[in-house]
Structure formats: C-alpha cells, structure tokens
Amino acid sequence: MYDEIILDNRNHYLACEQLPSEEEVTRIIEAHQDKIERIEQVNPGFVGVEMDISTCPGKADILFWYGTHKDRLLIEGLIANDTFYEVPYRLQNR
C-alpha cells in the first residue's frame, strides 16, 4: 500500500526465479517498439522505459518511469494488462 498510495508506484514483487530471461525481455521490447514509443510520447522527457537487469543477473523486467500521476494513468491505459506482453513491469514515479 505504501508503494501504491504514498509513492505512486506499482511493483510486481516477483522473485528473481519468476522473472523472464534478459534475452526474452530484449526480444519483447524490440518486437513492441511501437507501443514503447507511444508510452514515451505520453509526456516526452518525463516518461521513459528501461529494461532492469541490475537486480537479478540473467533475468529482467521492465521499468516505466513517469513524473505525474496523470502520466501513470495514461501509461496503464496503454498497457492495459498486468504484464507487458507477458513481461512483468514496474511503474515508478520519479
């Protein structure tokens, strides 16, 4: 609740073993560049997309970052799912 309400973040809280491989996440990001670009256009310069490989070696997830709650709502609307094409993602208010 703290993440969601106070920080305006969304985390998946999955263990490393539950994350897809770095190669799989790279493939998904490359295959869906059109959707990535639409998300980044929500608020250019204040919305971004990153593949996070720092937490779990060999595994990855996707991090969408944004500047406002409105940006988050628009991003969630574009994704419209609990995963980004089967890849767990996190939302982080920066």
C-alpha atoms as a PDB file:
ATOM      1  CA  MET A   1       0.000   0.000   0.000  1.00  0.00           C
ATOM      2  CA  TYR A   2       2.861   2.367   0.769  1.00  0.00           C
ATOM      3  CA  ASP A   3       4.224   1.990  -2.780  1.00  0.00           C
ATOM      4  CA  GLU A   4       0.832   2.466  -4.360  1.00  0.00           C
ATOM      5  CA  ILE A   5      -0.651   5.289  -2.305  1.00  0.00           C
ATOM      6  CA  ILE A   6       2.257   7.290  -0.925  1.00  0.00           C
ATOM      7  CA  LEU A   7       4.911   6.841  -3.623  1.00  0.00           C
ATOM      8  CA  ASP A   8       2.511   6.365  -6.564  1.00  0.00           C
ATOM      9  CA  ASN A   9       4.493   3.305  -7.697  1.00  0.00           C
ATOM     10  CA  ARG A  10       3.468  -0.165  -8.826  1.00  0.00           C
ATOM     11  CA  ASN A  11       5.733  -3.155  -8.174  1.00  0.00           C
ATOM     12  CA  HIS A  12       5.248  -6.799  -9.112  1.00  0.00           C
ATOM     13  CA  TYR A  13       7.141  -8.198  -6.070  1.00  0.00           C
ATOM     14  CA  LEU A  14       8.277 -11.289  -8.005  1.00  0.00           C
ATOM     15  CA  ALA A  15      11.343 -13.304  -7.020  1.00  0.00           C
ATOM     16  CA  CYS A  16      14.245 -13.488  -9.467  1.00  0.00           C
ATOM     17  CA  GLU A  17      13.315 -17.070 -10.389  1.00  0.00           C
ATOM     18  CA  GLN A  18       9.932 -15.838 -11.583  1.00  0.00           C
ATOM     19  CA  LEU A  19      11.328 -13.243 -13.992  1.00  0.00           C
ATOM     20  CA  PRO A  20      11.964 -13.943 -17.677  1.00  0.00           C
ATOM     21  CA  SER A  21      15.455 -14.062 -19.104  1.00  0.00           C
ATOM     22  CA  GLU A  22      17.208 -10.912 -20.211  1.00  0.00           C
ATOM     23  CA  GLU A  23      17.091 -12.237 -23.788  1.00  0.00           C
ATOM     24  CA  GLU A  24      13.316 -12.738 -23.660  1.00  0.00           C
ATOM     25  CA  VAL A  25      12.721  -9.214 -22.337  1.00  0.00           C
ATOM     26  CA  THR A  26      15.004  -7.759 -25.017  1.00  0.00           C
ATOM     27  CA  ARG A  27      13.024  -9.651 -27.672  1.00  0.00           C
ATOM     28  CA  ILE A  28       9.690  -8.369 -26.345  1.00  0.00           C
ATOM     29  CA  ILE A  29      10.918  -4.765 -26.184  1.00  0.00           C
ATOM     30  CA  GLU A  30      12.275  -4.943 -29.729  1.00  0.00           C
ATOM     31  CA  ALA A  31       9.087  -6.567 -31.033  1.00  0.00           C
ATOM     32  CA  HIS A  32       6.871  -3.897 -29.467  1.00  0.00           C
ATOM     33  CA  GLN A  33       8.828  -0.705 -30.143  1.00  0.00           C
ATOM     34  CA  ASP A  34       5.665   0.937 -31.476  1.00  0.00           C
ATOM     35  CA  LYS A  35       3.969   0.546 -28.078  1.00  0.00           C
ATOM     36  CA  ILE A  36       7.145   1.684 -26.253  1.00  0.00           C
ATOM     37  CA  GLU A  37       7.226   4.839 -28.390  1.00  0.00           C
ATOM     38  CA  ARG A  38       3.540   5.527 -27.697  1.00  0.00           C
ATOM     39  CA  ILE A  39       4.210   5.229 -23.970  1.00  0.00           C
ATOM     40  CA  GLU A  40       7.221   7.569 -24.161  1.00  0.00           C
ATOM     41  CA  GLN A  41       5.054  10.096 -26.014  1.00  0.00           C
ATOM     42  CA  VAL A  42       2.687  10.331 -23.031  1.00  0.00           C
ATOM     43  CA  ASN A  43       4.937  13.101 -21.719  1.00  0.00           C
ATOM     44  CA  PRO A  44       8.238  13.325 -23.655  1.00  0.00           C
ATOM     45  CA  GLY A  45      11.230  13.780 -21.381  1.00  0.00           C
ATOM     46  CA  PHE A  46       9.183  12.932 -18.292  1.00  0.00           C
ATOM     47  CA  VAL A  47       8.202   9.358 -19.217  1.00  0.00           C
ATOM     48  CA  GLY A  48      10.664   6.585 -20.015  1.00  0.00           C
ATOM     49  CA  VAL A  49      11.096   2.861 -20.397  1.00  0.00           C
ATOM     50  CA  GLU A  50      14.054   0.778 -19.205  1.00  0.00           C
ATOM     51  CA  MET A  51      14.894  -2.889 -19.021  1.00  0.00           C
ATOM     52  CA  ASP A  52      16.105  -3.606 -15.496  1.00  0.00           C
ATOM     53  CA  ILE A  53      18.860  -6.240 -15.394  1.00  0.00           C
ATOM     54  CA  SER A  54      20.589  -4.910 -12.275  1.00  0.00           C
ATOM     55  CA  THR A  55      18.546  -6.716  -9.628  1.00  0.00           C
ATOM     56  CA  CYS A  56      18.618 -10.302 -10.899  1.00  0.00           C
ATOM     57  CA  PRO A  57      21.612 -11.384 -13.045  1.00  0.00           C
ATOM     58  CA  GLY A  58      20.435 -13.038 -16.255  1.00  0.00           C
ATOM     59  CA  LYS A  59      16.821 -12.076 -15.556  1.00  0.00           C
ATOM     60  CA  ALA A  60      14.947  -8.867 -16.301  1.00  0.00           C
ATOM     61  CA  ASP A  61      11.752  -6.894 -16.048  1.00  0.00           C
ATOM     62  CA  ILE A  62      10.594  -3.587 -17.477  1.00  0.00           C
ATOM     63  CA  LEU A  63      10.532  -0.297 -15.605  1.00  0.00           C
ATOM     64  CA  PHE A  64       8.249   2.502 -16.784  1.00  0.00           C
ATOM     65  CA  TRP A  65       9.015   5.802 -15.061  1.00  0.00           C
ATOM     66  CA  TYR A  66       6.963   8.983 -15.089  1.00  0.00           C
ATOM     67  CA  GLY A  67       6.618  12.376 -13.499  1.00  0.00           C
ATOM     68  CA  THR A  68       2.958  12.675 -12.563  1.00  0.00           C
ATOM     69  CA  HIS A  69       0.011  10.514 -11.544  1.00  0.00           C
ATOM     70  CA  LYS A  70      -1.725  11.536 -14.775  1.00  0.00           C
ATOM     71  CA  ASP A  71       1.240  10.098 -16.719  1.00  0.00           C
ATOM     72  CA  ARG A  72       0.900   6.844 -14.779  1.00  0.00           C
ATOM     73  CA  LEU A  73      -2.797   6.540 -15.583  1.00  0.00           C
ATOM     74  CA  LEU A  74      -2.117   7.101 -19.288  1.00  0.00           C
ATOM     75  CA  ILE A  75       0.687   4.506 -19.271  1.00  0.00           C
ATOM     76  CA  GLU A  76      -1.526   1.967 -17.525  1.00  0.00           C
ATOM     77  CA  GLY A  77      -4.222   2.654 -20.106  1.00  0.00           C
ATOM     78  CA  LEU A  78      -1.814   1.952 -22.952  1.00  0.00           C
ATOM     79  CA  ILE A  79      -0.507  -1.261 -21.384  1.00  0.00           C
ATOM     80  CA  ALA A  80      -3.990  -2.386 -20.306  1.00  0.00           C
ATOM     81  CA  ASN A  81      -2.691  -5.586 -18.706  1.00  0.00           C
ATOM     82  CA  ASP A  82      -0.855  -6.903 -15.649  1.00  0.00           C
ATOM     83  CA  THR A  83       2.185  -7.635 -17.841  1.00  0.00           C
ATOM     84  CA  PHE A  84       3.758  -6.010 -20.873  1.00  0.00           C
ATOM     85  CA  TYR A  85       3.346  -8.818 -23.406  1.00  0.00           C
ATOM     86  CA  GLU A  86       3.995 -11.447 -20.707  1.00  0.00           C
ATOM     87  CA  VAL A  87       6.886  -9.489 -19.144  1.00  0.00           C
ATOM     88  CA  PRO A  88       6.396  -8.254 -15.552  1.00  0.00           C
ATOM     89  CA  TYR A  89       6.700  -4.499 -15.264  1.00  0.00           C
ATOM     90  CA  ARG A  90       7.028  -1.868 -12.594  1.00  0.00           C
ATOM     91  CA  LEU A  91       5.800   1.727 -12.564  1.00  0.00           C
ATOM     92  CA  GLN A  92       7.936   4.291 -10.761  1.00  0.00           C
ATOM     93  CA  ASN A  93       7.124   7.910 -10.043  1.00  0.00           C
ATOM     94  CA  ARG A  94      10.314   9.933 -10.311  1.00  0.00           C
END
